[in-house]
Amino acid sequence: MCCWPPIDGVLPECAVDARPSSSVLRDALPSTARLVRTFNHLGFHQLEALRRRAGAQDRTDLTIR
């Protein structure tokens, strides 16, 4: 499975396949499986930094379609 180098470092198994990890996973699953990606654009450190109390005017939301 591919990795995120800033967090995981450069792993040899990721260097073999340059495709995004979701593409690698999709190809490894049965054709009847449905793959859903979430939180792909935010790292854990951003979620912590953006945390606000319920009702705060400057809260951040994530839209999921």
C-alpha atoms as a PDB file:
ATOM      1  CA  MET A   1       0.000   0.000   0.000  1.00  0.00           C
ATOM      2  CA  CYS A   2       1.270   3.478  -0.758  1.00  0.00           C
ATOM      3  CA  CYS A   3       2.095   5.894   1.999  1.00  0.00           C
ATOM      4  CA  TRP A   4       2.247   9.587   2.829  1.00  0.00           C
ATOM      5  CA  PRO A   5       5.983  10.381   2.934  1.00  0.00           C
ATOM      6  CA  PRO A   6       5.769  13.409   5.301  1.00  0.00           C
ATOM      7  CA  ILE A   7       4.274  11.115   7.948  1.00  0.00           C
ATOM      8  CA  ASP A   8       5.379   7.581   7.022  1.00  0.00           C
ATOM      9  CA  GLY A   9       8.746   8.361   5.455  1.00  0.00           C
ATOM     10  CA  VAL A  10       9.734   6.861   2.121  1.00  0.00           C
ATOM     11  CA  LEU A  11       8.900   3.156   2.149  1.00  0.00           C
ATOM     12  CA  PRO A  12      10.399   0.797  -0.452  1.00  0.00           C
ATOM     13  CA  GLU A  13       7.041  -0.866  -1.145  1.00  0.00           C
ATOM     14  CA  CYS A  14       5.611   2.531  -2.116  1.00  0.00           C
ATOM     15  CA  ALA A  15       8.383   3.176  -4.620  1.00  0.00           C
ATOM     16  CA  VAL A  16       7.317   0.154  -6.681  1.00  0.00           C
ATOM     17  CA  ASP A  17       3.906   1.586  -7.571  1.00  0.00           C
ATOM     18  CA  ALA A  18       3.467   5.342  -8.027  1.00  0.00           C
ATOM     19  CA  ARG A  19      -0.345   5.172  -8.221  1.00  0.00           C
ATOM     20  CA  PRO A  20      -2.401   6.731  -5.414  1.00  0.00           C
ATOM     21  CA  SER A  21      -3.139   4.292  -2.597  1.00  0.00           C
ATOM     22  CA  SER A  22      -6.875   4.369  -3.424  1.00  0.00           C
ATOM     23  CA  SER A  23      -6.088   3.058  -6.932  1.00  0.00           C
ATOM     24  CA  VAL A  24      -3.923   0.270  -5.536  1.00  0.00           C
ATOM     25  CA  LEU A  25      -6.633  -0.672  -3.040  1.00  0.00           C
ATOM     26  CA  ARG A  26      -9.401  -0.520  -5.673  1.00  0.00           C
ATOM     27  CA  ASP A  27      -7.486  -2.926  -7.907  1.00  0.00           C
ATOM     28  CA  ALA A  28      -6.938  -5.329  -4.991  1.00  0.00           C
ATOM     29  CA  LEU A  29     -10.656  -5.462  -4.113  1.00  0.00           C
ATOM     30  CA  PRO A  30     -13.326  -7.523  -5.865  1.00  0.00           C
ATOM     31  CA  SER A  31     -15.045  -5.694  -8.726  1.00  0.00           C
ATOM     32  CA  THR A  32     -18.279  -5.636  -6.692  1.00  0.00           C
ATOM     33  CA  ALA A  33     -16.680  -3.639  -3.860  1.00  0.00           C
ATOM     34  CA  ARG A  34     -17.385   0.069  -3.478  1.00  0.00           C
ATOM     35  CA  LEU A  35     -14.447   2.216  -2.384  1.00  0.00           C
ATOM     36  CA  VAL A  36     -15.188   5.494  -0.602  1.00  0.00           C
ATOM     37  CA  ARG A  37     -12.439   7.987   0.183  1.00  0.00           C
ATOM     38  CA  THR A  38     -12.803  10.415   3.069  1.00  0.00           C
ATOM     39  CA  PHE A  39     -10.657  13.051   4.763  1.00  0.00           C
ATOM     40  CA  ASN A  40      -8.163  12.770   1.939  1.00  0.00           C
ATOM     41  CA  HIS A  41      -7.301  16.461   2.045  1.00  0.00           C
ATOM     42  CA  LEU A  42      -6.771  17.006   5.790  1.00  0.00           C
ATOM     43  CA  GLY A  43      -4.064  15.584   7.998  1.00  0.00           C
ATOM     44  CA  PHE A  44      -4.593  14.686  11.642  1.00  0.00           C
ATOM     45  CA  HIS A  45      -2.584  17.753  12.705  1.00  0.00           C
ATOM     46  CA  GLN A  46      -4.975  20.043  10.825  1.00  0.00           C
ATOM     47  CA  LEU A  47      -8.031  18.449  12.433  1.00  0.00           C
ATOM     48  CA  GLU A  48      -6.524  19.074  15.860  1.00  0.00           C
ATOM     49  CA  ALA A  49      -5.547  22.673  15.038  1.00  0.00           C
ATOM     50  CA  LEU A  50      -9.024  23.426  13.639  1.00  0.00           C
ATOM     51  CA  ARG A  51     -10.865  21.976  16.653  1.00  0.00           C
ATOM     52  CA  ARG A  52     -13.424  24.375  18.191  1.00  0.00           C
ATOM     53  CA  ARG A  53     -16.160  24.052  20.799  1.00  0.00           C
ATOM     54  CA  ALA A  54     -19.722  23.359  19.680  1.00  0.00           C
ATOM     55  CA  GLY A  55     -21.394  26.585  18.615  1.00  0.00           C
ATOM     56  CA  ALA A  56     -18.140  28.489  17.994  1.00  0.00           C
ATOM     57  CA  GLN A  57     -18.522  30.951  15.118  1.00  0.00           C
ATOM     58  CA  ASP A  58     -15.203  29.955  13.517  1.00  0.00           C
ATOM     59  CA  ARG A  59     -15.780  26.199  13.406  1.00  0.00           C
ATOM     60  CA  THR A  60     -14.653  24.343  10.295  1.00  0.00           C
ATOM     61  CA  ASP A  61     -16.891  21.804   8.618  1.00  0.00           C
ATOM     62  CA  LEU A  62     -16.203  18.973   6.199  1.00  0.00           C
ATOM     63  CA  THR A  63     -18.562  18.368   3.320  1.00  0.00           C
ATOM     64  CA  ILE A  64     -19.099  14.755   2.340  1.00  0.00           C
ATOM     65  CA  ARG A  65     -20.934  14.005  -0.888  1.00  0.00           C
END
